Each structure stands twice: as C-alpha cells, then as structure tokens.
Amino acid sequence: MKQIILVRGLPGSGKSTLAKTLATSGYHFEADMFFINKGGVYKFEPELIENAHDWCRNQVQQSMAINLNLIVVSNTFTMEWEMMPYISLAKQYGYMV
C-alpha cells in the first residue's frame, strides 16, 4: 500500500526528527531542505519560502509518479489548507494519507 505521512507542528518541535524516523523505509521531504546548499550548510532566505514549498511539492509529486511506497513530508502546516496540495496529490496518485 502506498502512503504519504504529513507531519505538522511548530518550528523546533521535532518534526524533522520524527519524519526521519518514520521514513527509514521511505523518503522524507520538507521545504527547509530547499535552503541547504551543496556543502550541506543551511541558509534560510525568507524571500524564497514560496519557492521552497513549490520545490517540496514537486519532489513529492515526482516521488509519487514513480510509485515510491512511503513518503513523509514534515512542514509546519499551521493551517489545514496548507496540507491540501499533498492530499490532492495523494488522491491523484492513489496514496493513503
């Protein structure tokens, strides 16, 4: 069964740690990954946050298109509507949320 797990919570609440644990047999994505440069250094640029979320959704969609069994997404998702693009993708590609 293909599934996507959406981990939501406040910054610093342990979302990434939980997501990495859940994704040991799958793939983990979060918008913050967009801000990690090739040297592995994190540099947040607030003006690029929309690009970061677009990148995250694209990574998830590409993963679903090749039928990966488990995808874990950890973002703040402070508003329920922020999860809707992932829920729509799940329906489109036959994933359980």
N, C-alpha and C. Protein backbone atom coordinates (compact mmCIF):
# COMPACT_ATOMS: atom_id res chain seq x y z
N MET A 1 0.83 -1.17 0.00
CA MET A 1 0.00 0.00 0.00
C MET A 1 0.89 1.25 0.00
N LYS A 2 0.62 2.18 -0.92
CA LYS A 2 1.37 3.42 -0.99
C LYS A 2 0.78 4.40 0.01
N GLN A 3 1.67 5.08 0.77
CA GLN A 3 1.16 6.04 1.73
C GLN A 3 2.05 7.26 1.84
N ILE A 4 1.41 8.37 2.20
CA ILE A 4 2.12 9.61 2.50
C ILE A 4 1.73 10.00 3.92
N ILE A 5 2.74 10.34 4.70
CA ILE A 5 2.52 10.78 6.08
C ILE A 5 2.87 12.26 6.14
N LEU A 6 1.95 13.08 6.63
CA LEU A 6 2.17 14.51 6.78
C LEU A 6 2.41 14.80 8.25
N VAL A 7 3.61 15.29 8.57
CA VAL A 7 3.98 15.62 9.94
C VAL A 7 3.89 17.13 10.07
N ARG A 8 3.09 17.59 11.03
CA ARG A 8 2.91 19.03 11.19
C ARG A 8 3.21 19.45 12.62
N GLY A 9 3.68 20.69 12.79
CA GLY A 9 3.97 21.18 14.12
C GLY A 9 4.74 22.48 14.06
N LEU A 10 4.91 23.08 15.20
CA LEU A 10 5.62 24.35 15.30
C LEU A 10 7.11 24.17 15.01
N PRO A 11 7.79 25.25 14.60
CA PRO A 11 9.24 25.16 14.39
C PRO A 11 9.94 24.68 15.66
N GLY A 12 10.87 23.78 15.50
CA GLY A 12 11.64 23.27 16.63
C GLY A 12 10.93 22.22 17.47
N SER A 13 9.78 21.74 17.00
CA SER A 13 9.01 20.78 17.80
C SER A 13 9.40 19.33 17.57
N GLY A 14 10.35 19.08 16.65
CA GLY A 14 10.81 17.72 16.41
C GLY A 14 10.22 17.06 15.17
N LYS A 15 9.61 17.85 14.30
CA LYS A 15 9.01 17.29 13.08
C LYS A 15 10.02 16.54 12.23
N SER A 16 11.17 17.14 11.99
CA SER A 16 12.19 16.51 11.13
C SER A 16 12.69 15.21 11.74
N THR A 17 12.93 15.22 13.03
CA THR A 17 13.40 14.02 13.71
C THR A 17 12.39 12.90 13.59
N LEU A 18 11.12 13.22 13.85
CA LEU A 18 10.07 12.21 13.73
C LEU A 18 9.96 11.73 12.28
N ALA A 19 9.99 12.65 11.33
CA ALA A 19 9.85 12.29 9.92
C ALA A 19 10.98 11.36 9.47
N LYS A 20 12.19 11.66 9.89
CA LYS A 20 13.33 10.80 9.53
C LYS A 20 13.16 9.40 10.11
N THR A 21 12.63 9.32 11.33
CA THR A 21 12.39 8.03 11.96
C THR A 21 11.31 7.26 11.19
N LEU A 22 10.25 7.95 10.82
CA LEU A 22 9.15 7.29 10.09
C LEU A 22 9.58 6.87 8.69
N ALA A 23 10.52 7.61 8.11
CA ALA A 23 10.91 7.37 6.71
C ALA A 23 12.10 6.44 6.56
N THR A 24 12.41 5.65 7.56
CA THR A 24 13.57 4.76 7.44
C THR A 24 13.42 3.81 6.27
N SER A 25 12.19 3.50 5.88
CA SER A 25 11.98 2.63 4.71
C SER A 25 11.31 3.41 3.58
N GLY A 26 11.45 4.73 3.61
CA GLY A 26 10.83 5.56 2.59
C GLY A 26 11.63 6.82 2.33
N TYR A 27 10.93 7.86 1.94
CA TYR A 27 11.58 9.12 1.57
C TYR A 27 10.97 10.26 2.35
N HIS A 28 11.82 11.20 2.76
CA HIS A 28 11.41 12.32 3.59
C HIS A 28 11.71 13.62 2.85
N PHE A 29 10.72 14.52 2.83
CA PHE A 29 10.90 15.84 2.23
C PHE A 29 10.35 16.89 3.16
N GLU A 30 10.95 18.07 3.11
CA GLU A 30 10.43 19.24 3.81
C GLU A 30 10.95 20.48 3.10
N ALA A 31 10.20 21.57 3.19
CA ALA A 31 10.57 22.80 2.50
C ALA A 31 11.95 23.29 2.93
N ASP A 32 12.32 23.07 4.17
CA ASP A 32 13.63 23.52 4.67
C ASP A 32 14.80 22.93 3.89
N MET A 33 14.60 21.77 3.28
CA MET A 33 15.67 21.14 2.50
C MET A 33 16.10 22.01 1.33
N PHE A 34 15.20 22.85 0.85
CA PHE A 34 15.49 23.77 -0.26
C PHE A 34 16.63 24.72 0.10
N PHE A 35 16.76 25.03 1.38
CA PHE A 35 17.73 26.01 1.85
C PHE A 35 19.09 25.41 2.23
N ILE A 36 19.30 24.13 1.96
CA ILE A 36 20.59 23.50 2.24
C ILE A 36 21.43 23.54 0.97
N ASN A 37 22.59 24.19 1.05
CA ASN A 37 23.42 24.30 -0.15
C ASN A 37 24.22 23.03 -0.39
N LYS A 38 24.95 23.01 -1.50
CA LYS A 38 25.70 21.80 -1.88
C LYS A 38 26.73 21.38 -0.85
N GLY A 39 27.17 22.32 -0.03
CA GLY A 39 28.12 21.99 1.03
C GLY A 39 27.45 21.49 2.30
N GLY A 40 26.11 21.39 2.27
CA GLY A 40 25.38 20.89 3.43
C GLY A 40 25.05 21.95 4.46
N VAL A 41 25.26 23.22 4.11
CA VAL A 41 25.02 24.31 5.05
C VAL A 41 23.61 24.88 4.83
N TYR A 42 22.87 25.04 5.93
CA TYR A 42 21.52 25.58 5.88
C TYR A 42 21.58 27.10 5.93
N LYS A 43 20.94 27.75 4.95
CA LYS A 43 20.88 29.21 4.92
C LYS A 43 19.47 29.62 4.52
N PHE A 44 18.66 29.97 5.51
CA PHE A 44 17.27 30.35 5.27
C PHE A 44 17.21 31.73 4.63
N GLU A 45 16.41 31.83 3.57
CA GLU A 45 16.17 33.10 2.89
C GLU A 45 14.67 33.29 2.79
N PRO A 46 14.10 34.11 3.68
CA PRO A 46 12.64 34.23 3.77
C PRO A 46 11.95 34.60 2.46
N GLU A 47 12.62 35.35 1.62
CA GLU A 47 12.01 35.76 0.35
C GLU A 47 11.82 34.58 -0.62
N LEU A 48 12.45 33.44 -0.32
CA LEU A 48 12.35 32.25 -1.18
C LEU A 48 11.43 31.17 -0.61
N ILE A 49 10.67 31.49 0.42
CA ILE A 49 9.85 30.47 1.08
C ILE A 49 8.83 29.85 0.13
N GLU A 50 8.23 30.65 -0.74
CA GLU A 50 7.27 30.10 -1.70
C GLU A 50 7.96 29.12 -2.65
N ASN A 51 9.17 29.47 -3.08
CA ASN A 51 9.95 28.56 -3.94
C ASN A 51 10.25 27.25 -3.20
N ALA A 52 10.55 27.37 -1.91
CA ALA A 52 10.87 26.18 -1.12
C ALA A 52 9.67 25.24 -1.03
N HIS A 53 8.48 25.79 -0.84
CA HIS A 53 7.29 24.95 -0.77
C HIS A 53 6.94 24.36 -2.13
N ASP A 54 7.15 25.13 -3.19
CA ASP A 54 6.95 24.59 -4.54
C ASP A 54 7.91 23.43 -4.79
N TRP A 55 9.16 23.59 -4.40
CA TRP A 55 10.17 22.54 -4.55
C TRP A 55 9.73 21.27 -3.82
N CYS A 56 9.27 21.45 -2.58
CA CYS A 56 8.86 20.30 -1.76
C CYS A 56 7.70 19.55 -2.42
N ARG A 57 6.69 20.29 -2.86
CA ARG A 57 5.54 19.65 -3.54
C ARG A 57 6.00 18.94 -4.81
N ASN A 58 6.91 19.54 -5.55
CA ASN A 58 7.41 18.91 -6.77
C ASN A 58 8.16 17.62 -6.47
N GLN A 59 8.95 17.62 -5.40
CA GLN A 59 9.67 16.40 -5.01
C GLN A 59 8.69 15.29 -4.66
N VAL A 60 7.63 15.65 -3.95
CA VAL A 60 6.62 14.66 -3.58
C VAL A 60 5.92 14.14 -4.82
N GLN A 61 5.54 15.04 -5.72
CA GLN A 61 4.85 14.60 -6.94
C GLN A 61 5.73 13.68 -7.78
N GLN A 62 6.99 14.03 -7.93
CA GLN A 62 7.91 13.17 -8.69
C GLN A 62 8.05 11.80 -8.03
N SER A 63 8.08 11.77 -6.72
CA SER A 63 8.19 10.51 -5.99
C SER A 63 6.93 9.66 -6.17
N MET A 64 5.79 10.33 -6.16
CA MET A 64 4.53 9.60 -6.38
C MET A 64 4.44 9.08 -7.81
N ALA A 65 4.94 9.85 -8.75
CA ALA A 65 4.88 9.45 -10.16
C ALA A 65 5.65 8.17 -10.42
N ILE A 66 6.67 7.89 -9.60
CA ILE A 66 7.43 6.65 -9.77
C ILE A 66 7.03 5.60 -8.73
N ASN A 67 5.88 5.85 -8.08
CA ASN A 67 5.27 4.87 -7.16
C ASN A 67 6.11 4.49 -5.95
N LEU A 68 6.81 5.44 -5.35
CA LEU A 68 7.50 5.13 -4.10
C LEU A 68 6.46 4.74 -3.06
N ASN A 69 6.73 3.75 -2.26
CA ASN A 69 5.74 3.23 -1.32
C ASN A 69 5.46 4.13 -0.13
N LEU A 70 6.48 4.81 0.39
CA LEU A 70 6.30 5.63 1.58
C LEU A 70 6.97 6.98 1.39
N ILE A 71 6.20 8.03 1.59
CA ILE A 71 6.70 9.41 1.52
C ILE A 71 6.27 10.11 2.80
N VAL A 72 7.23 10.77 3.44
CA VAL A 72 6.93 11.52 4.66
C VAL A 72 7.27 12.98 4.39
N VAL A 73 6.33 13.86 4.68
CA VAL A 73 6.53 15.30 4.50
C VAL A 73 6.40 15.96 5.85
N SER A 74 7.42 16.72 6.25
CA SER A 74 7.36 17.45 7.51
C SER A 74 7.50 18.94 7.24
N ASN A 75 6.42 19.64 7.43
CA ASN A 75 6.38 21.10 7.33
C ASN A 75 5.51 21.60 8.47
N THR A 76 5.53 22.89 8.72
CA THR A 76 4.73 23.40 9.84
C THR A 76 3.24 23.14 9.63
N PHE A 77 2.74 23.29 8.41
CA PHE A 77 1.32 23.08 8.11
C PHE A 77 0.44 23.69 9.22
N THR A 78 0.70 24.95 9.55
CA THR A 78 -0.05 25.59 10.64
C THR A 78 -1.52 25.75 10.31
N MET A 79 -1.83 25.84 9.03
CA MET A 79 -3.22 25.93 8.58
C MET A 79 -3.56 24.66 7.81
N GLU A 80 -4.75 24.15 8.03
CA GLU A 80 -5.14 22.90 7.38
C GLU A 80 -5.05 22.98 5.86
N TRP A 81 -5.37 24.14 5.28
CA TRP A 81 -5.34 24.28 3.83
C TRP A 81 -3.94 24.07 3.25
N GLU A 82 -2.91 24.25 4.08
CA GLU A 82 -1.54 24.07 3.59
C GLU A 82 -1.24 22.61 3.26
N MET A 83 -2.02 21.69 3.82
CA MET A 83 -1.83 20.27 3.54
C MET A 83 -2.59 19.83 2.29
N MET A 84 -3.53 20.63 1.84
CA MET A 84 -4.41 20.23 0.74
C MET A 84 -3.68 19.87 -0.56
N PRO A 85 -2.61 20.58 -0.97
CA PRO A 85 -1.93 20.15 -2.19
C PRO A 85 -1.39 18.72 -2.08
N TYR A 86 -0.93 18.33 -0.90
CA TYR A 86 -0.40 16.98 -0.69
C TYR A 86 -1.54 15.95 -0.67
N ILE A 87 -2.66 16.33 -0.10
CA ILE A 87 -3.81 15.44 -0.07
C ILE A 87 -4.35 15.25 -1.48
N SER A 88 -4.37 16.33 -2.26
CA SER A 88 -4.80 16.22 -3.67
C SER A 88 -3.87 15.33 -4.47
N LEU A 89 -2.57 15.48 -4.26
CA LEU A 89 -1.60 14.60 -4.95
C LEU A 89 -1.82 13.15 -4.55
N ALA A 90 -2.08 12.94 -3.26
CA ALA A 90 -2.31 11.57 -2.78
C ALA A 90 -3.50 10.94 -3.49
N LYS A 91 -4.58 11.69 -3.63
CA LYS A 91 -5.76 11.18 -4.34
C LYS A 91 -5.43 10.91 -5.80
N GLN A 92 -4.71 11.84 -6.41
CA GLN A 92 -4.37 11.71 -7.82
C GLN A 92 -3.52 10.46 -8.09
N TYR A 93 -2.60 10.15 -7.20
CA TYR A 93 -1.66 9.03 -7.41
C TYR A 93 -2.00 7.78 -6.61
N GLY A 94 -3.13 7.78 -5.91
CA GLY A 94 -3.56 6.58 -5.20
C GLY A 94 -2.82 6.30 -3.91
N TYR A 95 -2.48 7.34 -3.17
CA TYR A 95 -1.79 7.19 -1.88
C TYR A 95 -2.77 7.36 -0.73
N MET A 96 -2.56 6.60 0.32
CA MET A 96 -3.31 6.76 1.56
C MET A 96 -2.61 7.83 2.38
N VAL A 97 -3.38 8.76 2.94
CA VAL A 97 -2.80 9.84 3.78
C VAL A 97 -2.90 9.42 5.23
